[in-house]
Amino acid sequence: KGLIERISKDAKVPVIKHLDGNCHTYVDDPCDLDMALTVVDNAKTQ
């Protein structure tokens, strides 16, 4: 994040950026909980 903030602040040409990856997984009601267990495990721990 520090690098990207610095570049975005100081650059004199256009910047294609992302600052960080705070990604969410939402387990809804209703949901296939067996599927959710597999997907959440992969999304976090793979």
PDB file of all heavy atoms in Angstrom:
ATOM      1  N   LYS A   1       0.815  -1.209   0.000  1.00  0.00           N
ATOM      2  CA  LYS A   1       0.000   0.000   0.000  1.00  0.00           C
ATOM      3  C   LYS A   1       0.851   1.262   0.000  1.00  0.00           C
ATOM      4  O   LYS A   1       0.534   2.238  -0.694  1.00  0.00           O
ATOM      5  CB  LYS A   1      -0.936  -0.007   1.215  1.00  0.00           C
ATOM      6  CG  LYS A   1      -1.998   1.077   1.196  1.00  0.00           C
ATOM      7  CD  LYS A   1      -2.975   0.882   2.327  1.00  0.00           C
ATOM      8  CE  LYS A   1      -4.086   1.933   2.270  1.00  0.00           C
ATOM      9  NZ  LYS A   1      -5.102   1.701   3.341  1.00  0.00           N
ATOM     10  N   GLY A   2       1.961   1.235   0.754  1.00  0.00           N
ATOM     11  CA  GLY A   2       2.825   2.409   0.832  1.00  0.00           C
ATOM     12  C   GLY A   2       3.409   2.770  -0.525  1.00  0.00           C
ATOM     13  O   GLY A   2       3.451   3.941  -0.907  1.00  0.00           O
ATOM     14  N   LEU A   3       3.886   1.754  -1.256  1.00  0.00           N
ATOM     15  CA  LEU A   3       4.436   1.984  -2.590  1.00  0.00           C
ATOM     16  C   LEU A   3       3.403   2.615  -3.507  1.00  0.00           C
ATOM     17  O   LEU A   3       3.675   3.604  -4.193  1.00  0.00           O
ATOM     18  CB  LEU A   3       4.937   0.668  -3.184  1.00  0.00           C
ATOM     19  CG  LEU A   3       5.294   0.711  -4.679  1.00  0.00           C
ATOM     20  CD1 LEU A   3       6.586   1.486  -4.898  1.00  0.00           C
ATOM     21  CD2 LEU A   3       5.406  -0.701  -5.261  1.00  0.00           C
ATOM     22  N   ILE A   4       2.215   2.023  -3.526  1.00  0.00           N
ATOM     23  CA  ILE A   4       1.195   2.472  -4.469  1.00  0.00           C
ATOM     24  C   ILE A   4       0.700   3.870  -4.123  1.00  0.00           C
ATOM     25  O   ILE A   4       0.446   4.692  -5.006  1.00  0.00           O
ATOM     26  CB  ILE A   4       0.051   1.440  -4.533  1.00  0.00           C
ATOM     27  CG1 ILE A   4       0.601   0.136  -5.117  1.00  0.00           C
ATOM     28  CG2 ILE A   4      -1.103   1.954  -5.382  1.00  0.00           C
ATOM     29  CD1 ILE A   4      -0.288  -1.038  -5.032  1.00  0.00           C
ATOM     30  N   GLU A   5       0.571   4.165  -2.842  1.00  0.00           N
ATOM     31  CA  GLU A   5       0.176   5.520  -2.444  1.00  0.00           C
ATOM     32  C   GLU A   5       1.219   6.540  -2.873  1.00  0.00           C
ATOM     33  O   GLU A   5       0.872   7.629  -3.345  1.00  0.00           O
ATOM     34  CB  GLU A   5      -0.047   5.576  -0.932  1.00  0.00           C
ATOM     35  CG  GLU A   5      -1.336   4.900  -0.483  1.00  0.00           C
ATOM     36  CD  GLU A   5      -1.527   4.949   1.014  1.00  0.00           C
ATOM     37  OE1 GLU A   5      -0.505   5.065   1.749  1.00  0.00           O
ATOM     38  OE2 GLU A   5      -2.686   4.873   1.474  1.00  0.00           O
ATOM     39  N   ARG A   6       2.506   6.198  -2.725  1.00  0.00           N
ATOM     40  CA  ARG A   6       3.570   7.105  -3.133  1.00  0.00           C
ATOM     41  C   ARG A   6       3.525   7.350  -4.642  1.00  0.00           C
ATOM     42  O   ARG A   6       3.604   8.498  -5.099  1.00  0.00           O
ATOM     43  CB  ARG A   6       4.937   6.547  -2.748  1.00  0.00           C
ATOM     44  CG  ARG A   6       6.089   7.414  -3.228  1.00  0.00           C
ATOM     45  CD  ARG A   6       7.395   6.654  -3.374  1.00  0.00           C
ATOM     46  NE  ARG A   6       8.348   7.404  -4.168  1.00  0.00           N
ATOM     47  CZ  ARG A   6       9.522   6.920  -4.584  1.00  0.00           C
ATOM     48  NH1 ARG A   6       9.893   5.690  -4.293  1.00  0.00           N
ATOM     49  NH2 ARG A   6      10.320   7.672  -5.318  1.00  0.00           N
ATOM     50  N   ILE A   7       3.402   6.273  -5.413  1.00  0.00           N
ATOM     51  CA  ILE A   7       3.369   6.402  -6.869  1.00  0.00           C
ATOM     52  C   ILE A   7       2.183   7.261  -7.301  1.00  0.00           C
ATOM     53  O   ILE A   7       2.305   8.155  -8.141  1.00  0.00           O
ATOM     54  CB  ILE A   7       3.296   5.011  -7.536  1.00  0.00           C
ATOM     55  CG1 ILE A   7       4.506   4.155  -7.168  1.00  0.00           C
ATOM     56  CG2 ILE A   7       3.170   5.161  -9.055  1.00  0.00           C
ATOM     57  CD1 ILE A   7       5.829   4.719  -7.503  1.00  0.00           C
ATOM     58  N   SER A   8       1.019   6.974  -6.730  1.00  0.00           N
ATOM     59  CA  SER A   8      -0.192   7.705  -7.100  1.00  0.00           C
ATOM     60  C   SER A   8      -0.069   9.188  -6.789  1.00  0.00           C
ATOM     61  O   SER A   8      -0.565  10.036  -7.534  1.00  0.00           O
ATOM     62  CB  SER A   8      -1.401   7.116  -6.368  1.00  0.00           C
ATOM     63  OG  SER A   8      -1.558   5.743  -6.675  1.00  0.00           O
ATOM     64  N   LYS A   9       0.619   9.511  -5.705  1.00  0.00           N
ATOM     65  CA  LYS A   9       0.784  10.903  -5.276  1.00  0.00           C
ATOM     66  C   LYS A   9       1.768  11.661  -6.150  1.00  0.00           C
ATOM     67  O   LYS A   9       1.535  12.824  -6.496  1.00  0.00           O
ATOM     68  CB  LYS A   9       1.237  10.919  -3.813  1.00  0.00           C
ATOM     69  CG  LYS A   9       1.517  12.315  -3.235  1.00  0.00           C
ATOM     70  CD  LYS A   9       1.866  12.213  -1.761  1.00  0.00           C
ATOM     71  CE  LYS A   9       2.229  13.554  -1.149  1.00  0.00           C
ATOM     72  NZ  LYS A   9       3.539  14.013  -1.519  1.00  0.00           N
ATOM     73  N   ASP A  10       2.869  10.995  -6.528  1.00  0.00           N
ATOM     74  CA  ASP A  10       3.971  11.705  -7.178  1.00  0.00           C
ATOM     75  C   ASP A  10       4.021  11.568  -8.701  1.00  0.00           C
ATOM     76  O   ASP A  10       4.747  12.313  -9.366  1.00  0.00           O
ATOM     77  CB  ASP A  10       5.315  11.226  -6.604  1.00  0.00           C
ATOM     78  CG  ASP A  10       5.465  11.549  -5.121  1.00  0.00           C
ATOM     79  OD1 ASP A  10       4.741  12.454  -4.644  1.00  0.00           O
ATOM     80  OD2 ASP A  10       6.291  10.901  -4.452  1.00  0.00           O
ATOM     81  N   ALA A  11       3.279  10.628  -9.268  1.00  0.00           N
ATOM     82  CA  ALA A  11       3.380  10.361 -10.702  1.00  0.00           C
ATOM     83  C   ALA A  11       2.893  11.536 -11.539  1.00  0.00           C
ATOM     84  O   ALA A  11       1.915  12.206 -11.199  1.00  0.00           O
ATOM     85  CB  ALA A  11       2.595   9.104 -11.057  1.00  0.00           C
ATOM     86  N   LYS A  12       3.584  11.774 -12.652  1.00  0.00           N
ATOM     87  CA  LYS A  12       3.185  12.800 -13.611  1.00  0.00           C
ATOM     88  C   LYS A  12       2.590  12.186 -14.875  1.00  0.00           C
ATOM     89  O   LYS A  12       2.369  12.881 -15.859  1.00  0.00           O
ATOM     90  CB  LYS A  12       4.388  13.678 -13.953  1.00  0.00           C
ATOM     91  CG  LYS A  12       4.908  14.479 -12.755  1.00  0.00           C
ATOM     92  CD  LYS A  12       6.069  15.381 -13.128  1.00  0.00           C
ATOM     93  CE  LYS A  12       6.564  16.152 -11.916  1.00  0.00           C
ATOM     94  NZ  LYS A  12       7.718  17.049 -12.246  1.00  0.00           N
ATOM     95  N   VAL A  13       2.358  10.874 -14.839  1.00  0.00           N
ATOM     96  CA  VAL A  13       1.677  10.161 -15.918  1.00  0.00           C
ATOM     97  C   VAL A  13       0.542   9.357 -15.292  1.00  0.00           C
ATOM     98  O   VAL A  13       0.534   9.122 -14.080  1.00  0.00           O
ATOM     99  CB  VAL A  13       2.645   9.232 -16.695  1.00  0.00           C
ATOM    100  CG1 VAL A  13       3.728  10.043 -17.380  1.00  0.00           C
ATOM    101  CG2 VAL A  13       3.285   8.199 -15.768  1.00  0.00           C
ATOM    102  N   PRO A  14      -0.439   8.920 -16.076  1.00  0.00           N
ATOM    103  CA  PRO A  14      -1.549   8.144 -15.509  1.00  0.00           C
ATOM    104  C   PRO A  14      -1.069   6.871 -14.808  1.00  0.00           C
ATOM    105  O   PRO A  14      -0.055   6.282 -15.185  1.00  0.00           O
ATOM    106  CB  PRO A  14      -2.404   7.804 -16.732  1.00  0.00           C
ATOM    107  CG  PRO A  14      -2.070   8.861 -17.736  1.00  0.00           C
ATOM    108  CD  PRO A  14      -0.627   9.186 -17.518  1.00  0.00           C
ATOM    109  N   VAL A  15      -1.814   6.446 -13.781  1.00  0.00           N
ATOM    110  CA  VAL A  15      -1.462   5.277 -12.976  1.00  0.00           C
ATOM    111  C   VAL A  15      -2.627   4.285 -12.975  1.00  0.00           C
ATOM    112  O   VAL A  15      -3.768   4.664 -12.732  1.00  0.00           O
ATOM    113  CB  VAL A  15      -1.122   5.678 -11.524  1.00  0.00           C
ATOM    114  CG1 VAL A  15      -0.778   4.441 -10.685  1.00  0.00           C
ATOM    115  CG2 VAL A  15       0.028   6.669 -11.488  1.00  0.00           C
ATOM    116  N   ILE A  16      -2.339   3.021 -13.256  1.00  0.00           N
ATOM    117  CA  ILE A  16      -3.299   1.929 -13.086  1.00  0.00           C
ATOM    118  C   ILE A  16      -2.926   1.237 -11.782  1.00  0.00           C
ATOM    119  O   ILE A  16      -1.838   0.691 -11.654  1.00  0.00           O
ATOM    120  CB  ILE A  16      -3.247   0.927 -14.251  1.00  0.00           C
ATOM    121  CG1 ILE A  16      -3.601   1.622 -15.570  1.00  0.00           C
ATOM    122  CG2 ILE A  16      -4.184  -0.247 -13.996  1.00  0.00           C
ATOM    123  CD1 ILE A  16      -3.451   0.729 -16.793  1.00  0.00           C
ATOM    124  N   LYS A  17      -3.829   1.241 -10.812  1.00  0.00           N
ATOM    125  CA  LYS A  17      -3.416   0.829  -9.472  1.00  0.00           C
ATOM    126  C   LYS A  17      -4.505   0.064  -8.733  1.00  0.00           C
ATOM    127  O   LYS A  17      -5.671   0.107  -9.063  1.00  0.00           O
ATOM    128  CB  LYS A  17      -3.057   2.066  -8.645  1.00  0.00           C
ATOM    129  CG  LYS A  17      -4.228   2.991  -8.361  1.00  0.00           C
ATOM    130  CD  LYS A  17      -3.818   4.222  -7.604  1.00  0.00           C
ATOM    131  CE  LYS A  17      -4.986   5.111  -7.231  1.00  0.00           C
ATOM    132  NZ  LYS A  17      -5.680   5.669  -8.411  1.00  0.00           N
ATOM    133  N   HIS A  18      -4.071  -0.653  -7.698  1.00  0.00           N
ATOM    134  CA  HIS A  18      -4.953  -1.043  -6.601  1.00  0.00           C
ATOM    135  C   HIS A  18      -4.156  -0.901  -5.309  1.00  0.00           C
ATOM    136  O   HIS A  18      -2.960  -1.207  -5.262  1.00  0.00           O
ATOM    137  CB  HIS A  18      -5.511  -2.463  -6.781  1.00  0.00           C
ATOM    138  CG  HIS A  18      -4.622  -3.563  -6.313  1.00  0.00           C
ATOM    139  ND1 HIS A  18      -3.861  -4.311  -7.187  1.00  0.00           N
ATOM    140  CD2 HIS A  18      -4.380  -4.064  -5.090  1.00  0.00           C
ATOM    141  CE1 HIS A  18      -3.202  -5.224  -6.504  1.00  0.00           C
ATOM    142  NE2 HIS A  18      -3.480  -5.101  -5.234  1.00  0.00           N
ATOM    143  N   LEU A  19      -4.842  -0.427  -4.283  1.00  0.00           N
ATOM    144  CA  LEU A  19      -4.158  -0.160  -3.026  1.00  0.00           C
ATOM    145  C   LEU A  19      -3.997  -1.413  -2.170  1.00  0.00           C
ATOM    146  O   LEU A  19      -2.979  -1.635  -1.574  1.00  0.00           O
ATOM    147  CB  LEU A  19      -4.889   0.938  -2.237  1.00  0.00           C
ATOM    148  CG  LEU A  19      -4.788   2.344  -2.839  1.00  0.00           C
ATOM    149  CD1 LEU A  19      -5.603   3.331  -2.035  1.00  0.00           C
ATOM    150  CD2 LEU A  19      -3.344   2.796  -2.907  1.00  0.00           C
ATOM    151  N   ASP A  20      -5.006  -2.216  -2.072  1.00  0.00           N
ATOM    152  CA  ASP A  20      -4.898  -3.456  -1.303  1.00  0.00           C
ATOM    153  C   ASP A  20      -6.026  -4.398  -1.691  1.00  0.00           C
ATOM    154  O   ASP A  20      -6.898  -4.068  -2.496  1.00  0.00           O
ATOM    155  CB  ASP A  20      -4.881  -3.198   0.210  1.00  0.00           C
ATOM    156  CG  ASP A  20      -5.974  -2.248   0.679  1.00  0.00           C
ATOM    157  OD1 ASP A  20      -6.985  -2.108  -0.037  1.00  0.00           O
ATOM    158  OD2 ASP A  20      -5.831  -1.659   1.760  1.00  0.00           O
ATOM    159  N   GLY A  21      -5.981  -5.584  -1.120  1.00  0.00           N
ATOM    160  CA  GLY A  21      -6.954  -6.617  -1.448  1.00  0.00           C
ATOM    161  C   GLY A  21      -7.702  -7.093  -0.211  1.00  0.00           C
ATOM    162  O   GLY A  21      -7.466  -8.206   0.260  1.00  0.00           O
ATOM    163  N   ASN A  22      -8.573  -6.270   0.316  1.00  0.00           N
ATOM    164  CA  ASN A  22      -9.430  -6.686   1.422  1.00  0.00           C
ATOM    165  C   ASN A  22     -10.664  -7.349   0.832  1.00  0.00           C
ATOM    166  O   ASN A  22     -11.687  -6.709   0.603  1.00  0.00           O
ATOM    167  CB  ASN A  22      -9.801  -5.493   2.299  1.00  0.00           C
ATOM    168  CG  ASN A  22     -10.719  -5.887   3.451  1.00  0.00           C
ATOM    169  OD1 ASN A  22     -10.774  -7.054   3.852  1.00  0.00           O
ATOM    170  ND2 ASN A  22     -11.443  -4.922   3.996  1.00  0.00           N
ATOM    171  N   CYS A  23     -10.565  -8.661   0.572  1.00  0.00           N
ATOM    172  CA  CYS A  23     -11.611  -9.402  -0.123  1.00  0.00           C
ATOM    173  C   CYS A  23     -12.540 -10.090   0.884  1.00  0.00           C
ATOM    174  O   CYS A  23     -12.083 -10.590   1.915  1.00  0.00           O
ATOM    175  CB  CYS A  23     -10.998 -10.446  -1.054  1.00  0.00           C
ATOM    176  SG  CYS A  23      -9.863  -9.743  -2.288  1.00  0.00           S
ATOM    177  N   HIS A  24     -13.831 -10.142   0.549  1.00  0.00           N
ATOM    178  CA  HIS A  24     -14.843 -10.722   1.423  1.00  0.00           C
ATOM    179  C   HIS A  24     -15.488 -11.942   0.780  1.00  0.00           C
ATOM    180  O   HIS A  24     -15.700 -11.974  -0.439  1.00  0.00           O
ATOM    181  CB  HIS A  24     -15.963  -9.721   1.716  1.00  0.00           C
ATOM    182  CG  HIS A  24     -15.526  -8.503   2.472  1.00  0.00           C
ATOM    183  ND1 HIS A  24     -14.751  -7.511   1.900  1.00  0.00           N
ATOM    184  CD2 HIS A  24     -15.764  -8.114   3.755  1.00  0.00           C
ATOM    185  CE1 HIS A  24     -14.523  -6.572   2.817  1.00  0.00           C
ATOM    186  NE2 HIS A  24     -15.129  -6.914   3.931  1.00  0.00           N
ATOM    187  N   THR A  25     -15.828 -12.907   1.608  1.00  0.00           N
ATOM    188  CA  THR A  25     -16.739 -13.979   1.215  1.00  0.00           C
ATOM    189  C   THR A  25     -17.939 -13.937   2.154  1.00  0.00           C
ATOM    190  O   THR A  25     -17.776 -13.946   3.380  1.00  0.00           O
ATOM    191  CB  THR A  25     -16.072 -15.359   1.275  1.00  0.00           C
ATOM    192  OG1 THR A  25     -14.976 -15.403   0.340  1.00  0.00           O
ATOM    193  CG2 THR A  25     -17.065 -16.451   0.910  1.00  0.00           C
ATOM    194  N   TYR A  26     -19.138 -13.885   1.571  1.00  0.00           N
ATOM    195  CA  TYR A  26     -20.374 -13.833   2.342  1.00  0.00           C
ATOM    196  C   TYR A  26     -21.129 -15.150   2.172  1.00  0.00           C
ATOM    197  O   TYR A  26     -21.450 -15.558   1.049  1.00  0.00           O
ATOM    198  CB  TYR A  26     -21.248 -12.662   1.884  1.00  0.00           C
ATOM    199  CG  TYR A  26     -22.679 -12.754   2.353  1.00  0.00           C
ATOM    200  CD1 TYR A  26     -22.994 -12.861   3.700  1.00  0.00           C
ATOM    201  CD2 TYR A  26     -23.745 -12.737   1.432  1.00  0.00           C
ATOM    202  CE1 TYR A  26     -24.313 -12.949   4.141  1.00  0.00           C
ATOM    203  CE2 TYR A  26     -25.058 -12.830   1.852  1.00  0.00           C
ATOM    204  CZ  TYR A  26     -25.336 -12.939   3.210  1.00  0.00           C
ATOM    205  OH  TYR A  26     -26.647 -13.048   3.634  1.00  0.00           O
ATOM    206  N   VAL A  27     -21.409 -15.830   3.289  1.00  0.00           N
ATOM    207  CA  VAL A  27     -22.187 -17.059   3.293  1.00  0.00           C
ATOM    208  C   VAL A  27     -23.637 -16.687   3.558  1.00  0.00           C
ATOM    209  O   VAL A  27     -23.999 -16.246   4.651  1.00  0.00           O
ATOM    210  CB  VAL A  27     -21.666 -18.048   4.352  1.00  0.00           C
ATOM    211  CG1 VAL A  27     -22.496 -19.325   4.350  1.00  0.00           C
ATOM    212  CG2 VAL A  27     -20.188 -18.372   4.080  1.00  0.00           C
ATOM    213  N   ASP A  28     -24.470 -16.873   2.567  1.00  0.00           N
ATOM    214  CA  ASP A  28     -25.850 -16.395   2.576  1.00  0.00           C
ATOM    215  C   ASP A  28     -26.795 -17.415   3.221  1.00  0.00           C
ATOM    216  O   ASP A  28     -26.441 -18.578   3.438  1.00  0.00           O
ATOM    217  CB  ASP A  28     -26.274 -16.103   1.127  1.00  0.00           C
ATOM    218  CG  ASP A  28     -27.618 -15.397   1.010  1.00  0.00           C
ATOM    219  OD1 ASP A  28     -27.944 -14.557   1.880  1.00  0.00           O
ATOM    220  OD2 ASP A  28     -28.336 -15.679   0.027  1.00  0.00           O
ATOM    221  N   ASP A  29     -27.974 -16.985   3.496  1.00  0.00           N
ATOM    222  CA  ASP A  29     -29.080 -17.836   3.906  1.00  0.00           C
ATOM    223  C   ASP A  29     -30.182 -17.701   2.856  1.00  0.00           C
ATOM    224  O   ASP A  29     -30.741 -16.614   2.713  1.00  0.00           O
ATOM    225  CB  ASP A  29     -29.604 -17.410   5.284  1.00  0.00           C
ATOM    226  CG  ASP A  29     -30.783 -18.251   5.772  1.00  0.00           C
ATOM    227  OD1 ASP A  29     -30.999 -19.347   5.233  1.00  0.00           O
ATOM    228  OD2 ASP A  29     -31.501 -17.787   6.684  1.00  0.00           O
ATOM    229  N   PRO A  30     -30.430 -18.758   2.037  1.00  0.00           N
ATOM    230  CA  PRO A  30     -29.962 -20.147   2.141  1.00  0.00           C
ATOM    231  C   PRO A  30     -28.642 -20.367   1.412  1.00  0.00           C
ATOM    232  O   PRO A  30     -28.292 -19.612   0.498  1.00  0.00           O
ATOM    233  CB  PRO A  30     -31.095 -20.922   1.455  1.00  0.00           C
ATOM    234  CG  PRO A  30     -31.541 -19.983   0.355  1.00  0.00           C
ATOM    235  CD  PRO A  30     -31.428 -18.593   0.949  1.00  0.00           C
ATOM    236  N   CYS A  31     -27.939 -21.430   1.827  1.00  0.00           N
ATOM    237  CA  CYS A  31     -26.653 -21.759   1.211  1.00  0.00           C
ATOM    238  C   CYS A  31     -26.384 -23.248   1.354  1.00  0.00           C
ATOM    239  O   CYS A  31     -26.804 -23.875   2.339  1.00  0.00           O
ATOM    240  CB  CYS A  31     -25.535 -20.963   1.892  1.00  0.00           C
ATOM    241  SG  CYS A  31     -23.903 -21.217   1.158  1.00  0.00           S
ATOM    242  N   ASP A  32     -25.688 -23.818   0.373  1.00  0.00           N
ATOM    243  CA  ASP A  32     -25.184 -25.185   0.483  1.00  0.00           C
ATOM    244  C   ASP A  32     -23.955 -25.123   1.397  1.00  0.00           C
ATOM    245  O   ASP A  32     -22.880 -24.707   0.971  1.00  0.00           O
ATOM    246  CB  ASP A  32     -24.808 -25.719  -0.904  1.00  0.00           C
ATOM    247  CG  ASP A  32     -24.266 -27.139  -0.884  1.00  0.00           C
ATOM    248  OD1 ASP A  32     -23.740 -27.581   0.161  1.00  0.00           O
ATOM    249  OD2 ASP A  32     -24.326 -27.809  -1.935  1.00  0.00           O
ATOM    250  N   LEU A  33     -24.109 -25.530   2.648  1.00  0.00           N
ATOM    251  CA  LEU A  33     -23.052 -25.339   3.627  1.00  0.00           C
ATOM    252  C   LEU A  33     -21.836 -26.222   3.369  1.00  0.00           C
ATOM    253  O   LEU A  33     -20.714 -25.850   3.724  1.00  0.00           O
ATOM    254  CB  LEU A  33     -23.593 -25.562   5.044  1.00  0.00           C
ATOM    255  CG  LEU A  33     -24.702 -24.586   5.476  1.00  0.00           C
ATOM    256  CD1 LEU A  33     -25.061 -24.805   6.940  1.00  0.00           C
ATOM    257  CD2 LEU A  33     -24.301 -23.132   5.238  1.00  0.00           C
ATOM    258  N   ASP A  34     -22.026 -27.376   2.754  1.00  0.00           N
ATOM    259  CA  ASP A  34     -20.878 -28.204   2.378  1.00  0.00           C
ATOM    260  C   ASP A  34     -20.032 -27.483   1.332  1.00  0.00           C
ATOM    261  O   ASP A  34     -18.799 -27.464   1.416  1.00  0.00           O
ATOM    262  CB  ASP A  34     -21.345 -29.555   1.841  1.00  0.00           C
ATOM    263  CG  ASP A  34     -21.944 -30.448   2.912  1.00  0.00           C
ATOM    264  OD1 ASP A  34     -21.588 -30.291   4.101  1.00  0.00           O
ATOM    265  OD2 ASP A  34     -22.784 -31.311   2.559  1.00  0.00           O
ATOM    266  N   MET A  35     -20.717 -26.892   0.344  1.00  0.00           N
ATOM    267  CA  MET A  35     -20.011 -26.115  -0.662  1.00  0.00           C
ATOM    268  C   MET A  35     -19.311 -24.921  -0.017  1.00  0.00           C
ATOM    269  O   MET A  35     -18.143 -24.632  -0.310  1.00  0.00           O
ATOM    270  CB  MET A  35     -20.979 -25.620  -1.742  1.00  0.00           C
ATOM    271  CG  MET A  35     -20.325 -24.695  -2.783  1.00  0.00           C
ATOM    272  SD  MET A  35     -21.508 -23.730  -3.750  1.00  0.00           S
ATOM    273  CE  MET A  35     -22.127 -22.568  -2.511  1.00  0.00           C
ATOM    274  N   ALA A  36     -20.020 -24.238   0.866  1.00  0.00           N
ATOM    275  CA  ALA A  36     -19.460 -23.054   1.513  1.00  0.00           C
ATOM    276  C   ALA A  36     -18.208 -23.397   2.312  1.00  0.00           C
ATOM    277  O   ALA A  36     -17.234 -22.646   2.316  1.00  0.00           O
ATOM    278  CB  ALA A  36     -20.500 -22.400   2.414  1.00  0.00           C
ATOM    279  N   LEU A  37     -18.230 -24.540   2.973  1.00  0.00           N
ATOM    280  CA  LEU A  37     -17.064 -24.964   3.745  1.00  0.00           C
ATOM    281  C   LEU A  37     -15.842 -25.119   2.842  1.00  0.00           C
ATOM    282  O   LEU A  37     -14.751 -24.638   3.168  1.00  0.00           O
ATOM    283  CB  LEU A  37     -17.367 -26.286   4.455  1.00  0.00           C
ATOM    284  CG  LEU A  37     -16.366 -26.739   5.519  1.00  0.00           C
ATOM    285  CD1 LEU A  37     -16.443 -25.840   6.744  1.00  0.00           C
ATOM    286  CD2 LEU A  37     -16.627 -28.201   5.911  1.00  0.00           C
ATOM    287  N   THR A  38     -16.034 -25.767   1.708  1.00  0.00           N
ATOM    288  CA  THR A  38     -14.933 -25.982   0.766  1.00  0.00           C
ATOM    289  C   THR A  38     -14.433 -24.669   0.183  1.00  0.00           C
ATOM    290  O   THR A  38     -13.227 -24.426   0.097  1.00  0.00           O
ATOM    291  CB  THR A  38     -15.386 -26.916  -0.368  1.00  0.00           C
ATOM    292  OG1 THR A  38     -15.794 -28.172   0.176  1.00  0.00           O
ATOM    293  CG2 THR A  38     -14.260 -27.150  -1.371  1.00  0.00           C
ATOM    294  N   VAL A  39     -15.367 -23.800  -0.227  1.00  0.00           N
ATOM    295  CA  VAL A  39     -14.988 -22.552  -0.891  1.00  0.00           C
ATOM    296  C   VAL A  39     -14.296 -21.593   0.078  1.00  0.00           C
ATOM    297  O   VAL A  39     -13.265 -20.997  -0.253  1.00  0.00           O
ATOM    298  CB  VAL A  39     -16.217 -21.887  -1.546  1.00  0.00           C
ATOM    299  CG1 VAL A  39     -15.846 -20.501  -2.091  1.00  0.00           C
ATOM    300  CG2 VAL A  39     -16.755 -22.754  -2.677  1.00  0.00           C
ATOM    301  N   VAL A  40     -14.847 -21.429   1.275  1.00  0.00           N
ATOM    302  CA  VAL A  40     -14.248 -20.516   2.246  1.00  0.00           C
ATOM    303  C   VAL A  40     -12.852 -20.990   2.642  1.00  0.00           C
ATOM    304  O   VAL A  40     -11.907 -20.196   2.740  1.00  0.00           O
ATOM    305  CB  VAL A  40     -15.147 -20.352   3.483  1.00  0.00           C
ATOM    306  CG1 VAL A  40     -14.417 -19.542   4.568  1.00  0.00           C
ATOM    307  CG2 VAL A  40     -16.454 -19.665   3.113  1.00  0.00           C
ATOM    308  N   ASP A  41     -12.706 -22.291   2.857  1.00  0.00           N
ATOM    309  CA  ASP A  41     -11.399 -22.859   3.179  1.00  0.00           C
ATOM    310  C   ASP A  41     -10.395 -22.525   2.080  1.00  0.00           C
ATOM    311  O   ASP A  41      -9.281 -22.055   2.352  1.00  0.00           O
ATOM    312  CB  ASP A  41     -11.532 -24.376   3.350  1.00  0.00           C
ATOM    313  CG  ASP A  41     -10.206 -25.060   3.683  1.00  0.00           C
ATOM    314  OD1 ASP A  41      -9.275 -24.381   4.146  1.00  0.00           O
ATOM    315  OD2 ASP A  41     -10.118 -26.294   3.481  1.00  0.00           O
ATOM    316  N   ASN A  42     -10.768 -22.737   0.827  1.00  0.00           N
ATOM    317  CA  ASN A  42      -9.882 -22.439  -0.296  1.00  0.00           C
ATOM    318  C   ASN A  42      -9.588 -20.948  -0.399  1.00  0.00           C
ATOM    319  O   ASN A  42      -8.431 -20.537  -0.600  1.00  0.00           O
ATOM    320  CB  ASN A  42     -10.505 -22.943  -1.596  1.00  0.00           C
ATOM    321  CG  ASN A  42      -9.644 -22.634  -2.817  1.00  0.00           C
ATOM    322  OD1 ASN A  42      -9.821 -21.604  -3.474  1.00  0.00           O
ATOM    323  ND2 ASN A  42      -8.711 -23.513  -3.116  1.00  0.00           N
ATOM    324  N   ALA A  43     -10.621 -20.131  -0.257  1.00  0.00           N
ATOM    325  CA  ALA A  43     -10.473 -18.683  -0.436  1.00  0.00           C
ATOM    326  C   ALA A  43      -9.519 -18.085   0.587  1.00  0.00           C
ATOM    327  O   ALA A  43      -8.810 -17.116   0.296  1.00  0.00           O
ATOM    328  CB  ALA A  43     -11.835 -18.001  -0.354  1.00  0.00           C
ATOM    329  N   LYS A  44      -9.483 -18.678   1.793  1.00  0.00           N
ATOM    330  CA  LYS A  44      -8.605 -18.154   2.833  1.00  0.00           C
ATOM    331  C   LYS A  44      -7.269 -18.861   2.906  1.00  0.00           C
ATOM    332  O   LYS A  44      -6.217 -18.230   3.023  1.00  0.00           O
ATOM    333  CB  LYS A  44      -9.283 -18.235   4.200  1.00  0.00           C
ATOM    334  CG  LYS A  44      -8.379 -17.710   5.339  1.00  0.00           C
ATOM    335  CD  LYS A  44      -8.049 -16.231   5.113  1.00  0.00           C
ATOM    336  CE  LYS A  44      -6.781 -15.772   5.764  1.00  0.00           C
ATOM    337  NZ  LYS A  44      -6.440 -14.352   5.465  1.00  0.00           N
ATOM    338  N   THR A  45      -7.245 -20.202   2.818  1.00  0.00           N
ATOM    339  CA  THR A  45      -6.042 -20.943   3.196  1.00  0.00           C
ATOM    340  C   THR A  45      -5.245 -21.533   2.045  1.00  0.00           C
ATOM    341  O   THR A  45      -4.146 -22.035   2.265  1.00  0.00           O
ATOM    342  CB  THR A  45      -6.382 -22.083   4.182  1.00  0.00           C
ATOM    343  OG1 THR A  45      -7.074 -23.146   3.498  1.00  0.00           O
ATOM    344  CG2 THR A  45      -7.241 -21.580   5.325  1.00  0.00           C
ATOM    345  N   GLN A  46      -5.786 -21.512   0.804  1.00  0.00           N
ATOM    346  CA  GLN A  46      -5.035 -22.084  -0.308  1.00  0.00           C
ATOM    347  C   GLN A  46      -3.673 -21.416  -0.439  1.00  0.00           C
ATOM    348  O   GLN A  46      -2.665 -22.052  -0.735  1.00  0.00           O
ATOM    349  CB  GLN A  46      -5.839 -21.974  -1.608  1.00  0.00           C
ATOM    350  CG  GLN A  46      -5.262 -22.798  -2.767  1.00  0.00           C
ATOM    351  CD  GLN A  46      -4.376 -21.964  -3.680  1.00  0.00           C
ATOM    352  OE1 GLN A  46      -4.447 -20.738  -3.715  1.00  0.00           O
ATOM    353  NE2 GLN A  46      -3.547 -22.630  -4.452  1.00  0.00           N
TER     354      GLN A  46
END
